[in-house]
Amino acid sequence: MKGLSKEEFEIYCLFVAANADFNISKQELIAMGAHTDPVTFVRIYNGFEADSDVERLDTIRECKELYIKDELDRQNLFDRMKMVFFADGRYAAAEQSVFTMLRKLI
């Protein structure tokens, strides 16, 4: 996905986090959707679903240069990701691996 705003980038990252175990739960959707309007949420979801894994990583790399200016920006994004990871009451090994990968990437 190209041309994302900061809010859209954050939601996109949350979809990457929620999809870590290849199953986006209802609780994860609720946790993510609480921070944006429904139209934006659906548009980002559709773009996320249309992207390949490589395109998802490219989107994150490109947007992080624009929107992650300091450690506070980075920490705020990871705090939101943690909320999504724990929204369904579990933190699977696949989610831990994706979180580690995202920490290195971002």
PDB file of N, CA and C in Angstrom:
ATOM      1  N   MET A   1       0.848  -1.177   0.000  1.00  0.00           N
ATOM      2  CA  MET A   1       0.000   0.000   0.000  1.00  0.00           C
ATOM      3  C   MET A   1       0.888   1.233   0.000  1.00  0.00           C
ATOM      4  N   LYS A   2       0.549   2.164  -0.779  1.00  0.00           N
ATOM      5  CA  LYS A   2       1.339   3.392  -0.904  1.00  0.00           C
ATOM      6  C   LYS A   2       0.547   4.583  -0.390  1.00  0.00           C
ATOM      7  N   GLY A   3       1.272   5.622  -0.008  1.00  0.00           N
ATOM      8  CA  GLY A   3       0.665   6.885   0.345  1.00  0.00           C
ATOM      9  C   GLY A   3      -0.157   6.884   1.623  1.00  0.00           C
ATOM     10  N   LEU A   4       0.283   6.142   2.628  1.00  0.00           N
ATOM     11  CA  LEU A   4      -0.456   6.068   3.883  1.00  0.00           C
ATOM     12  C   LEU A   4      -0.159   7.270   4.776  1.00  0.00           C
ATOM     13  N   SER A   5      -1.182   7.743   5.467  1.00  0.00           N
ATOM     14  CA  SER A   5      -0.973   8.750   6.497  1.00  0.00           C
ATOM     15  C   SER A   5      -0.382   8.053   7.720  1.00  0.00           C
ATOM     16  N   LYS A   6       0.001   8.819   8.730  1.00  0.00           N
ATOM     17  CA  LYS A   6       0.554   8.213   9.944  1.00  0.00           C
ATOM     18  C   LYS A   6      -0.467   7.295  10.609  1.00  0.00           C
ATOM     19  N   GLU A   7      -1.709   7.741  10.712  1.00  0.00           N
ATOM     20  CA  GLU A   7      -2.760   6.914  11.306  1.00  0.00           C
ATOM     21  C   GLU A   7      -2.961   5.625  10.509  1.00  0.00           C
ATOM     22  N   GLU A   8      -2.977   5.740   9.197  1.00  0.00           N
ATOM     23  CA  GLU A   8      -3.160   4.566   8.344  1.00  0.00           C
ATOM     24  C   GLU A   8      -1.985   3.600   8.473  1.00  0.00           C
ATOM     25  N   PHE A   9      -0.781   4.154   8.547  1.00  0.00           N
ATOM     26  CA  PHE A   9       0.410   3.326   8.745  1.00  0.00           C
ATOM     27  C   PHE A   9       0.311   2.543  10.049  1.00  0.00           C
ATOM     28  N   GLU A  10      -0.118   3.201  11.113  1.00  0.00           N
ATOM     29  CA  GLU A  10      -0.244   2.517  12.396  1.00  0.00           C
ATOM     30  C   GLU A  10      -1.271   1.397  12.327  1.00  0.00           C
ATOM     31  N   ILE A  11      -2.397   1.650  11.683  1.00  0.00           N
ATOM     32  CA  ILE A  11      -3.420   0.614  11.536  1.00  0.00           C
ATOM     33  C   ILE A  11      -2.878  -0.536  10.700  1.00  0.00           C
ATOM     34  N   TYR A  12      -2.155  -0.210   9.642  1.00  0.00           N
ATOM     35  CA  TYR A  12      -1.548  -1.240   8.791  1.00  0.00           C
ATOM     36  C   TYR A  12      -0.618  -2.122   9.626  1.00  0.00           C
ATOM     37  N   CYS A  13       0.209  -1.503  10.462  1.00  0.00           N
ATOM     38  CA  CYS A  13       1.107  -2.264  11.335  1.00  0.00           C
ATOM     39  C   CYS A  13       0.314  -3.141  12.302  1.00  0.00           C
ATOM     40  N   LEU A  14      -0.807  -2.630  12.784  1.00  0.00           N
ATOM     41  CA  LEU A  14      -1.640  -3.430  13.684  1.00  0.00           C
ATOM     42  C   LEU A  14      -2.209  -4.650  12.969  1.00  0.00           C
ATOM     43  N   PHE A  15      -2.553  -4.504  11.692  1.00  0.00           N
ATOM     44  CA  PHE A  15      -3.008  -5.670  10.927  1.00  0.00           C
ATOM     45  C   PHE A  15      -1.888  -6.697  10.772  1.00  0.00           C
ATOM     46  N   VAL A  16      -0.675  -6.227  10.535  1.00  0.00           N
ATOM     47  CA  VAL A  16       0.466  -7.148  10.453  1.00  0.00           C
ATOM     48  C   VAL A  16       0.610  -7.896  11.775  1.00  0.00           C
ATOM     49  N   ALA A  17       0.504  -7.174  12.874  1.00  0.00           N
ATOM     50  CA  ALA A  17       0.617  -7.796  14.190  1.00  0.00           C
ATOM     51  C   ALA A  17      -0.513  -8.795  14.424  1.00  0.00           C
ATOM     52  N   ALA A  18      -1.737  -8.392  14.138  1.00  0.00           N
ATOM     53  CA  ALA A  18      -2.894  -9.265  14.389  1.00  0.00           C
ATOM     54  C   ALA A  18      -2.869 -10.513  13.527  1.00  0.00           C
ATOM     55  N   ASN A  19      -2.284 -10.408  12.361  1.00  0.00           N
ATOM     56  CA  ASN A  19      -2.246 -11.534  11.426  1.00  0.00           C
ATOM     57  C   ASN A  19      -1.051 -12.455  11.675  1.00  0.00           C
ATOM     58  N   ALA A  20      -0.285 -12.202  12.703  1.00  0.00           N
ATOM     59  CA  ALA A  20       0.930 -12.982  12.977  1.00  0.00           C
ATOM     60  C   ALA A  20       0.657 -14.467  13.088  1.00  0.00           C
ATOM     61  N   ASP A  21      -0.473 -14.817  13.679  1.00  0.00           N
ATOM     62  CA  ASP A  21      -0.823 -16.237  13.831  1.00  0.00           C
ATOM     63  C   ASP A  21      -1.782 -16.692  12.729  1.00  0.00           C
ATOM     64  N   PHE A  22      -1.897 -15.890  11.669  1.00  0.00           N
ATOM     65  CA  PHE A  22      -2.735 -16.170  10.503  1.00  0.00           C
ATOM     66  C   PHE A  22      -4.218 -16.237  10.852  1.00  0.00           C
ATOM     67  N   ASN A  23      -4.598 -15.591  11.951  1.00  0.00           N
ATOM     68  CA  ASN A  23      -5.983 -15.579  12.378  1.00  0.00           C
ATOM     69  C   ASN A  23      -6.242 -14.268  13.108  1.00  0.00           C
ATOM     70  N   ILE A  24      -6.951 -13.359  12.459  1.00  0.00           N
ATOM     71  CA  ILE A  24      -7.299 -12.102  13.097  1.00  0.00           C
ATOM     72  C   ILE A  24      -8.610 -12.333  13.835  1.00  0.00           C
ATOM     73  N   SER A  25      -8.540 -12.303  15.156  1.00  0.00           N
ATOM     74  CA  SER A  25      -9.717 -12.591  15.979  1.00  0.00           C
ATOM     75  C   SER A  25     -10.639 -11.376  16.085  1.00  0.00           C
ATOM     76  N   LYS A  26     -11.850 -11.628  16.506  1.00  0.00           N
ATOM     77  CA  LYS A  26     -12.820 -10.553  16.711  1.00  0.00           C
ATOM     78  C   LYS A  26     -12.300  -9.557  17.748  1.00  0.00           C
ATOM     79  N   GLN A  27     -11.671 -10.068  18.791  1.00  0.00           N
ATOM     80  CA  GLN A  27     -11.131  -9.189  19.827  1.00  0.00           C
ATOM     81  C   GLN A  27     -10.025  -8.289  19.273  1.00  0.00           C
ATOM     82  N   GLU A  28      -9.195  -8.854  18.403  1.00  0.00           N
ATOM     83  CA  GLU A  28      -8.126  -8.062  17.792  1.00  0.00           C
ATOM     84  C   GLU A  28      -8.712  -6.984  16.883  1.00  0.00           C
ATOM     85  N   LEU A  29      -9.743  -7.329  16.125  1.00  0.00           N
ATOM     86  CA  LEU A  29     -10.397  -6.342  15.262  1.00  0.00           C
ATOM     87  C   LEU A  29     -10.985  -5.198  16.081  1.00  0.00           C
ATOM     88  N   ILE A  30     -11.604  -5.538  17.194  1.00  0.00           N
ATOM     89  CA  ILE A  30     -12.185  -4.509  18.062  1.00  0.00           C
ATOM     90  C   ILE A  30     -11.091  -3.608  18.626  1.00  0.00           C
ATOM     91  N   ALA A  31     -10.000  -4.206  19.077  1.00  0.00           N
ATOM     92  CA  ALA A  31      -8.883  -3.423  19.626  1.00  0.00           C
ATOM     93  C   ALA A  31      -8.300  -2.478  18.580  1.00  0.00           C
ATOM     94  N   MET A  32      -8.202  -2.938  17.344  1.00  0.00           N
ATOM     95  CA  MET A  32      -7.648  -2.090  16.285  1.00  0.00           C
ATOM     96  C   MET A  32      -8.640  -1.027  15.841  1.00  0.00           C
ATOM     97  N   GLY A  33      -9.896  -1.401  15.694  1.00  0.00           N
ATOM     98  CA  GLY A  33     -10.909  -0.488  15.176  1.00  0.00           C
ATOM     99  C   GLY A  33     -11.258   0.648  16.113  1.00  0.00           C
ATOM    100  N   ALA A  34     -10.918   0.501  17.375  1.00  0.00           N
ATOM    101  CA  ALA A  34     -11.241   1.538  18.357  1.00  0.00           C
ATOM    102  C   ALA A  34     -10.485   2.831  18.104  1.00  0.00           C
ATOM    103  N   HIS A  35      -9.467   2.796  17.279  1.00  0.00           N
ATOM    104  CA  HIS A  35      -8.602   3.957  17.089  1.00  0.00           C
ATOM    105  C   HIS A  35      -8.788   4.656  15.751  1.00  0.00           C
ATOM    106  N   THR A  36      -9.826   4.291  15.003  1.00  0.00           N
ATOM    107  CA  THR A  36     -10.019   4.933  13.704  1.00  0.00           C
ATOM    108  C   THR A  36     -11.478   4.836  13.280  1.00  0.00           C
ATOM    109  N   ASP A  37     -11.803   5.542  12.228  1.00  0.00           N
ATOM    110  CA  ASP A  37     -13.166   5.486  11.712  1.00  0.00           C
ATOM    111  C   ASP A  37     -13.345   4.232  10.849  1.00  0.00           C
ATOM    112  N   PRO A  38     -14.576   3.752  10.722  1.00  0.00           N
ATOM    113  CA  PRO A  38     -14.827   2.492   9.997  1.00  0.00           C
ATOM    114  C   PRO A  38     -14.399   2.513   8.533  1.00  0.00           C
ATOM    115  N   VAL A  39     -14.556   3.631   7.856  1.00  0.00           N
ATOM    116  CA  VAL A  39     -14.199   3.698   6.433  1.00  0.00           C
ATOM    117  C   VAL A  39     -12.694   3.502   6.256  1.00  0.00           C
ATOM    118  N   THR A  40     -11.910   4.203   7.055  1.00  0.00           N
ATOM    119  CA  THR A  40     -10.449   4.062   6.989  1.00  0.00           C
ATOM    120  C   THR A  40     -10.044   2.643   7.359  1.00  0.00           C
ATOM    121  N   PHE A  41     -10.650   2.121   8.395  1.00  0.00           N
ATOM    122  CA  PHE A  41     -10.339   0.773   8.869  1.00  0.00           C
ATOM    123  C   PHE A  41     -10.539  -0.258   7.762  1.00  0.00           C
ATOM    124  N   VAL A  42     -11.679  -0.202   7.090  1.00  0.00           N
ATOM    125  CA  VAL A  42     -11.983  -1.165   6.021  1.00  0.00           C
ATOM    126  C   VAL A  42     -11.049  -0.970   4.837  1.00  0.00           C
ATOM    127  N   ARG A  43     -10.752   0.290   4.489  1.00  0.00           N
ATOM    128  CA  ARG A  43      -9.858   0.551   3.356  1.00  0.00           C
ATOM    129  C   ARG A  43      -8.456  -0.003   3.624  1.00  0.00           C
ATOM    130  N   ILE A  44      -7.955   0.205   4.840  1.00  0.00           N
ATOM    131  CA  ILE A  44      -6.625  -0.309   5.184  1.00  0.00           C
ATOM    132  C   ILE A  44      -6.649  -1.832   5.225  1.00  0.00           C
ATOM    133  N   TYR A  45      -7.711  -2.403   5.770  1.00  0.00           N
ATOM    134  CA  TYR A  45      -7.832  -3.870   5.791  1.00  0.00           C
ATOM    135  C   TYR A  45      -7.800  -4.427   4.373  1.00  0.00           C
ATOM    136  N   ASN A  46      -8.555  -3.843   3.472  1.00  0.00           N
ATOM    137  CA  ASN A  46      -8.587  -4.331   2.089  1.00  0.00           C
ATOM    138  C   ASN A  46      -7.216  -4.212   1.423  1.00  0.00           C
ATOM    139  N   GLY A  47      -6.522  -3.110   1.677  1.00  0.00           N
ATOM    140  CA  GLY A  47      -5.175  -2.950   1.137  1.00  0.00           C
ATOM    141  C   GLY A  47      -4.208  -3.954   1.733  1.00  0.00           C
ATOM    142  N   PHE A  48      -4.318  -4.182   3.029  1.00  0.00           N
ATOM    143  CA  PHE A  48      -3.478  -5.166   3.709  1.00  0.00           C
ATOM    144  C   PHE A  48      -3.704  -6.555   3.110  1.00  0.00           C
ATOM    145  N   GLU A  49      -4.946  -6.921   2.927  1.00  0.00           N
ATOM    146  CA  GLU A  49      -5.281  -8.237   2.372  1.00  0.00           C
ATOM    147  C   GLU A  49      -4.776  -8.393   0.936  1.00  0.00           C
ATOM    148  N   ALA A  50      -4.781  -7.311   0.172  1.00  0.00           N
ATOM    149  CA  ALA A  50      -4.341  -7.364  -1.221  1.00  0.00           C
ATOM    150  C   ALA A  50      -2.828  -7.448  -1.350  1.00  0.00           C
ATOM    151  N   ASP A  51      -2.098  -6.981  -0.337  1.00  0.00           N
ATOM    152  CA  ASP A  51      -0.637  -6.969  -0.394  1.00  0.00           C
ATOM    153  C   ASP A  51      -0.050  -8.347  -0.102  1.00  0.00           C
ATOM    154  N   SER A  52       1.052  -8.647  -0.751  1.00  0.00           N
ATOM    155  CA  SER A  52       1.818  -9.856  -0.435  1.00  0.00           C
ATOM    156  C   SER A  52       2.658  -9.583   0.808  1.00  0.00           C
ATOM    157  N   ASP A  53       3.278 -10.607   1.351  1.00  0.00           N
ATOM    158  CA  ASP A  53       4.147 -10.425   2.515  1.00  0.00           C
ATOM    159  C   ASP A  53       5.287  -9.457   2.213  1.00  0.00           C
ATOM    160  N   VAL A  54       5.866  -9.561   1.038  1.00  0.00           N
ATOM    161  CA  VAL A  54       6.958  -8.668   0.651  1.00  0.00           C
ATOM    162  C   VAL A  54       6.456  -7.230   0.557  1.00  0.00           C
ATOM    163  N   GLU A  55       5.279  -7.029  -0.035  1.00  0.00           N
ATOM    164  CA  GLU A  55       4.720  -5.684  -0.136  1.00  0.00           C
ATOM    165  C   GLU A  55       4.417  -5.111   1.247  1.00  0.00           C
ATOM    166  N   ARG A  56       3.976  -5.956   2.166  1.00  0.00           N
ATOM    167  CA  ARG A  56       3.704  -5.495   3.534  1.00  0.00           C
ATOM    168  C   ARG A  56       4.983  -4.983   4.188  1.00  0.00           C
ATOM    169  N   LEU A  57       6.054  -5.733   4.041  1.00  0.00           N
ATOM    170  CA  LEU A  57       7.335  -5.305   4.623  1.00  0.00           C
ATOM    171  C   LEU A  57       7.842  -4.035   3.958  1.00  0.00           C
ATOM    172  N   ASP A  58       7.679  -3.927   2.649  1.00  0.00           N
ATOM    173  CA  ASP A  58       8.087  -2.711   1.940  1.00  0.00           C
ATOM    174  C   ASP A  58       7.295  -1.496   2.421  1.00  0.00           C
ATOM    175  N   THR A  59       5.993  -1.681   2.629  1.00  0.00           N
ATOM    176  CA  THR A  59       5.154  -0.595   3.130  1.00  0.00           C
ATOM    177  C   THR A  59       5.637  -0.130   4.495  1.00  0.00           C
ATOM    178  N   ILE A  60       5.935  -1.074   5.365  1.00  0.00           N
ATOM    179  CA  ILE A  60       6.419  -0.724   6.705  1.00  0.00           C
ATOM    180  C   ILE A  60       7.755   0.011   6.615  1.00  0.00           C
ATOM    181  N   ARG A  61       8.664  -0.481   5.794  1.00  0.00           N
ATOM    182  CA  ARG A  61       9.975   0.177   5.646  1.00  0.00           C
ATOM    183  C   ARG A  61       9.820   1.612   5.151  1.00  0.00           C
ATOM    184  N   GLU A  62       8.988   1.792   4.126  1.00  0.00           N
ATOM    185  CA  GLU A  62       8.816   3.128   3.543  1.00  0.00           C
ATOM    186  C   GLU A  62       8.174   4.098   4.537  1.00  0.00           C
ATOM    187  N   CYS A  63       7.135   3.641   5.208  1.00  0.00           N
ATOM    188  CA  CYS A  63       6.394   4.528   6.113  1.00  0.00           C
ATOM    189  C   CYS A  63       7.154   4.824   7.396  1.00  0.00           C
ATOM    190  N   LYS A  64       7.946   3.890   7.852  1.00  0.00           N
ATOM    191  CA  LYS A  64       8.683   4.151   9.100  1.00  0.00           C
ATOM    192  C   LYS A  64       9.621   5.336   8.932  1.00  0.00           C
ATOM    193  N   GLU A  65      10.172   5.499   7.744  1.00  0.00           N
ATOM    194  CA  GLU A  65      11.054   6.633   7.475  1.00  0.00           C
ATOM    195  C   GLU A  65      10.302   7.953   7.600  1.00  0.00           C
ATOM    196  N   LEU A  66       9.019   7.940   7.272  1.00  0.00           N
ATOM    197  CA  LEU A  66       8.201   9.145   7.332  1.00  0.00           C
ATOM    198  C   LEU A  66       7.652   9.438   8.720  1.00  0.00           C
ATOM    199  N   TYR A  67       7.276   8.392   9.451  1.00  0.00           N
ATOM    200  CA  TYR A  67       6.471   8.587  10.647  1.00  0.00           C
ATOM    201  C   TYR A  67       7.112   8.187  11.971  1.00  0.00           C
ATOM    202  N   ILE A  68       8.173   7.430  11.943  1.00  0.00           N
ATOM    203  CA  ILE A  68       8.842   7.057  13.190  1.00  0.00           C
ATOM    204  C   ILE A  68      10.076   7.948  13.316  1.00  0.00           C
ATOM    205  N   LYS A  69       9.875   9.059  13.997  1.00  0.00           N
ATOM    206  CA  LYS A  69      10.929  10.069  14.087  1.00  0.00           C
ATOM    207  C   LYS A  69      11.839   9.894  15.300  1.00  0.00           C
ATOM    208  N   ASP A  70      11.304   9.253  16.349  1.00  0.00           N
ATOM    209  CA  ASP A  70      12.104   9.097  17.555  1.00  0.00           C
ATOM    210  C   ASP A  70      11.635   7.876  18.338  1.00  0.00           C
ATOM    211  N   GLU A  71      12.273   7.636  19.447  1.00  0.00           N
ATOM    212  CA  GLU A  71      11.960   6.455  20.257  1.00  0.00           C
ATOM    213  C   GLU A  71      10.540   6.511  20.806  1.00  0.00           C
ATOM    214  N   LEU A  72      10.036   7.702  21.077  1.00  0.00           N
ATOM    215  CA  LEU A  72       8.663   7.825  21.590  1.00  0.00           C
ATOM    216  C   LEU A  72       7.650   7.376  20.535  1.00  0.00           C
ATOM    217  N   ASP A  73       7.840   7.772  19.280  1.00  0.00           N
ATOM    218  CA  ASP A  73       6.960   7.305  18.193  1.00  0.00           C
ATOM    219  C   ASP A  73       6.993   5.788  18.099  1.00  0.00           C
ATOM    220  N   ARG A  74       8.183   5.258  18.151  1.00  0.00           N
ATOM    221  CA  ARG A  74       8.376   3.803  18.053  1.00  0.00           C
ATOM    222  C   ARG A  74       7.697   3.083  19.213  1.00  0.00           C
ATOM    223  N   GLN A  75       7.909   3.586  20.419  1.00  0.00           N
ATOM    224  CA  GLN A  75       7.331   2.942  21.598  1.00  0.00           C
ATOM    225  C   GLN A  75       5.811   3.008  21.592  1.00  0.00           C
ATOM    226  N   ASN A  76       5.252   4.139  21.167  1.00  0.00           N
ATOM    227  CA  ASN A  76       3.795   4.257  21.090  1.00  0.00           C
ATOM    228  C   ASN A  76       3.201   3.244  20.120  1.00  0.00           C
ATOM    229  N   LEU A  77       3.855   3.058  18.987  1.00  0.00           N
ATOM    230  CA  LEU A  77       3.380   2.069  18.012  1.00  0.00           C
ATOM    231  C   LEU A  77       3.456   0.662  18.596  1.00  0.00           C
ATOM    232  N   PHE A  78       4.549   0.348  19.261  1.00  0.00           N
ATOM    233  CA  PHE A  78       4.682  -0.997  19.837  1.00  0.00           C
ATOM    234  C   PHE A  78       3.727  -1.225  21.000  1.00  0.00           C
ATOM    235  N   ASP A  79       3.405  -0.175  21.739  1.00  0.00           N
ATOM    236  CA  ASP A  79       2.408  -0.313  22.800  1.00  0.00           C
ATOM    237  C   ASP A  79       1.043  -0.659  22.211  1.00  0.00           C
ATOM    238  N   ARG A  80       0.699  -0.038  21.100  1.00  0.00           N
ATOM    239  CA  ARG A  80      -0.567  -0.368  20.431  1.00  0.00           C
ATOM    240  C   ARG A  80      -0.539  -1.798  19.899  1.00  0.00           C
ATOM    241  N   MET A  81       0.604  -2.219  19.368  1.00  0.00           N
ATOM    242  CA  MET A  81       0.714  -3.595  18.872  1.00  0.00           C
ATOM    243  C   MET A  81       0.527  -4.596  20.008  1.00  0.00           C
ATOM    244  N   LYS A  82       1.108  -4.298  21.153  1.00  0.00           N
ATOM    245  CA  LYS A  82       0.975  -5.201  22.298  1.00  0.00           C
ATOM    246  C   LYS A  82      -0.490  -5.348  22.694  1.00  0.00           C
ATOM    247  N   MET A  83      -1.251  -4.258  22.626  1.00  0.00           N
ATOM    248  CA  MET A  83      -2.680  -4.333  22.931  1.00  0.00           C
ATOM    249  C   MET A  83      -3.384  -5.295  21.983  1.00  0.00           C
ATOM    250  N   VAL A  84      -2.990  -5.272  20.723  1.00  0.00           N
ATOM    251  CA  VAL A  84      -3.592  -6.173  19.738  1.00  0.00           C
ATOM    252  C   VAL A  84      -3.156  -7.612  20.014  1.00  0.00           C
ATOM    253  N   PHE A  85      -1.878  -7.814  20.284  1.00  0.00           N
ATOM    254  CA  PHE A  85      -1.390  -9.166  20.557  1.00  0.00           C
ATOM    255  C   PHE A  85      -2.129  -9.805  21.723  1.00  0.00           C
ATOM    256  N   PHE A  86      -2.414  -9.018  22.753  1.00  0.00           N
ATOM    257  CA  PHE A  86      -3.043  -9.565  23.955  1.00  0.00           C
ATOM    258  C   PHE A  86      -4.565  -9.455  23.954  1.00  0.00           C
ATOM    259  N   ALA A  87      -5.151  -8.896  22.900  1.00  0.00           N
ATOM    260  CA  ALA A  87      -6.597  -8.682  22.852  1.00  0.00           C
ATOM    261  C   ALA A  87      -7.392  -9.980  22.943  1.00  0.00           C
ATOM    262  N   ASP A  88      -6.854 -11.054  22.389  1.00  0.00           N
ATOM    263  CA  ASP A  88      -7.582 -12.328  22.423  1.00  0.00           C
ATOM    264  C   ASP A  88      -7.171 -13.197  23.604  1.00  0.00           C
ATOM    265  N   GLY A  89      -6.400 -12.628  24.523  1.00  0.00           N
ATOM    266  CA  GLY A  89      -6.048 -13.333  25.746  1.00  0.00           C
ATOM    267  C   GLY A  89      -4.888 -14.300  25.631  1.00  0.00           C
ATOM    268  N   ARG A  90      -4.209 -14.283  24.504  1.00  0.00           N
ATOM    269  CA  ARG A  90      -3.055 -15.175  24.360  1.00  0.00           C
ATOM    270  C   ARG A  90      -1.985 -14.471  23.541  1.00  0.00           C
ATOM    271  N   TYR A  91      -0.771 -14.970  23.695  1.00  0.00           N
ATOM    272  CA  TYR A  91       0.379 -14.412  22.986  1.00  0.00           C
ATOM    273  C   TYR A  91       1.162 -15.589  22.427  1.00  0.00           C
ATOM    274  N   ALA A  92       0.763 -16.043  21.257  1.00  0.00           N
ATOM    275  CA  ALA A  92       1.310 -17.247  20.637  1.00  0.00           C
ATOM    276  C   ALA A  92       2.761 -17.048  20.196  1.00  0.00           C
ATOM    277  N   ALA A  93       3.437 -18.156  19.999  1.00  0.00           N
ATOM    278  CA  ALA A  93       4.838 -18.119  19.561  1.00  0.00           C
ATOM    279  C   ALA A  93       4.979 -17.380  18.230  1.00  0.00           C
ATOM    280  N   ALA A  94       4.039 -17.579  17.331  1.00  0.00           N
ATOM    281  CA  ALA A  94       4.091 -16.887  16.035  1.00  0.00           C
ATOM    282  C   ALA A  94       3.984 -15.382  16.234  1.00  0.00           C
ATOM    283  N   GLU A  95       3.140 -14.961  17.173  1.00  0.00           N
ATOM    284  CA  GLU A  95       3.001 -13.536  17.459  1.00  0.00           C
ATOM    285  C   GLU A  95       4.290 -12.983  18.055  1.00  0.00           C
ATOM    286  N   GLN A  96       4.922 -13.734  18.924  1.00  0.00           N
ATOM    287  CA  GLN A  96       6.190 -13.309  19.510  1.00  0.00           C
ATOM    288  C   GLN A  96       7.249 -13.139  18.430  1.00  0.00           C
ATOM    289  N   SER A  97       7.285 -14.064  17.477  1.00  0.00           N
ATOM    290  CA  SER A  97       8.265 -13.989  16.384  1.00  0.00           C
ATOM    291  C   SER A  97       8.034 -12.762  15.513  1.00  0.00           C
ATOM    292  N   VAL A  98       6.773 -12.502  15.182  1.00  0.00           N
ATOM    293  CA  VAL A  98       6.455 -11.332  14.357  1.00  0.00           C
ATOM    294  C   VAL A  98       6.779 -10.046  15.116  1.00  0.00           C
ATOM    295  N   PHE A  99       6.484 -10.012  16.405  1.00  0.00           N
ATOM    296  CA  PHE A  99       6.787  -8.835  17.207  1.00  0.00           C
ATOM    297  C   PHE A  99       8.290  -8.567  17.206  1.00  0.00           C
ATOM    298  N   THR A 100       9.088  -9.596  17.370  1.00  0.00           N
ATOM    299  CA  THR A 100      10.543  -9.453  17.343  1.00  0.00           C
ATOM    300  C   THR A 100      11.013  -8.941  15.994  1.00  0.00           C
ATOM    301  N   MET A 101      10.439  -9.497  14.918  1.00  0.00           N
ATOM    302  CA  MET A 101      10.804  -9.058  13.562  1.00  0.00           C
ATOM    303  C   MET A 101      10.441  -7.591  13.364  1.00  0.00           C
ATOM    304  N   LEU A 102       9.241  -7.194  13.824  1.00  0.00           N
ATOM    305  CA  LEU A 102       8.818  -5.810  13.673  1.00  0.00           C
ATOM    306  C   LEU A 102       9.692  -4.856  14.496  1.00  0.00           C
ATOM    307  N   ARG A 103      10.121  -5.281  15.670  1.00  0.00           N
ATOM    308  CA  ARG A 103      11.008  -4.439  16.486  1.00  0.00           C
ATOM    309  C   ARG A 103      12.330  -4.177  15.744  1.00  0.00           C
ATOM    310  N   LYS A 104      12.807  -5.184  15.027  1.00  0.00           N
ATOM    311  CA  LYS A 104      14.045  -5.000  14.262  1.00  0.00           C
ATOM    312  C   LYS A 104      13.823  -4.140  13.030  1.00  0.00           C
ATOM    313  N   LEU A 105      12.663  -4.297  12.417  1.00  0.00           N
ATOM    314  CA  LEU A 105      12.338  -3.580  11.191  1.00  0.00           C
ATOM    315  C   LEU A 105      12.034  -2.111  11.444  1.00  0.00           C
ATOM    316  N   ILE A 106      11.343  -1.858  12.532  1.00  0.00           N
ATOM    317  CA  ILE A 106      10.917  -0.487  12.839  1.00  0.00           C
ATOM    318  C   ILE A 106      11.874   0.088  13.866  1.00  0.00           C
TER     319      ILE A 106
END
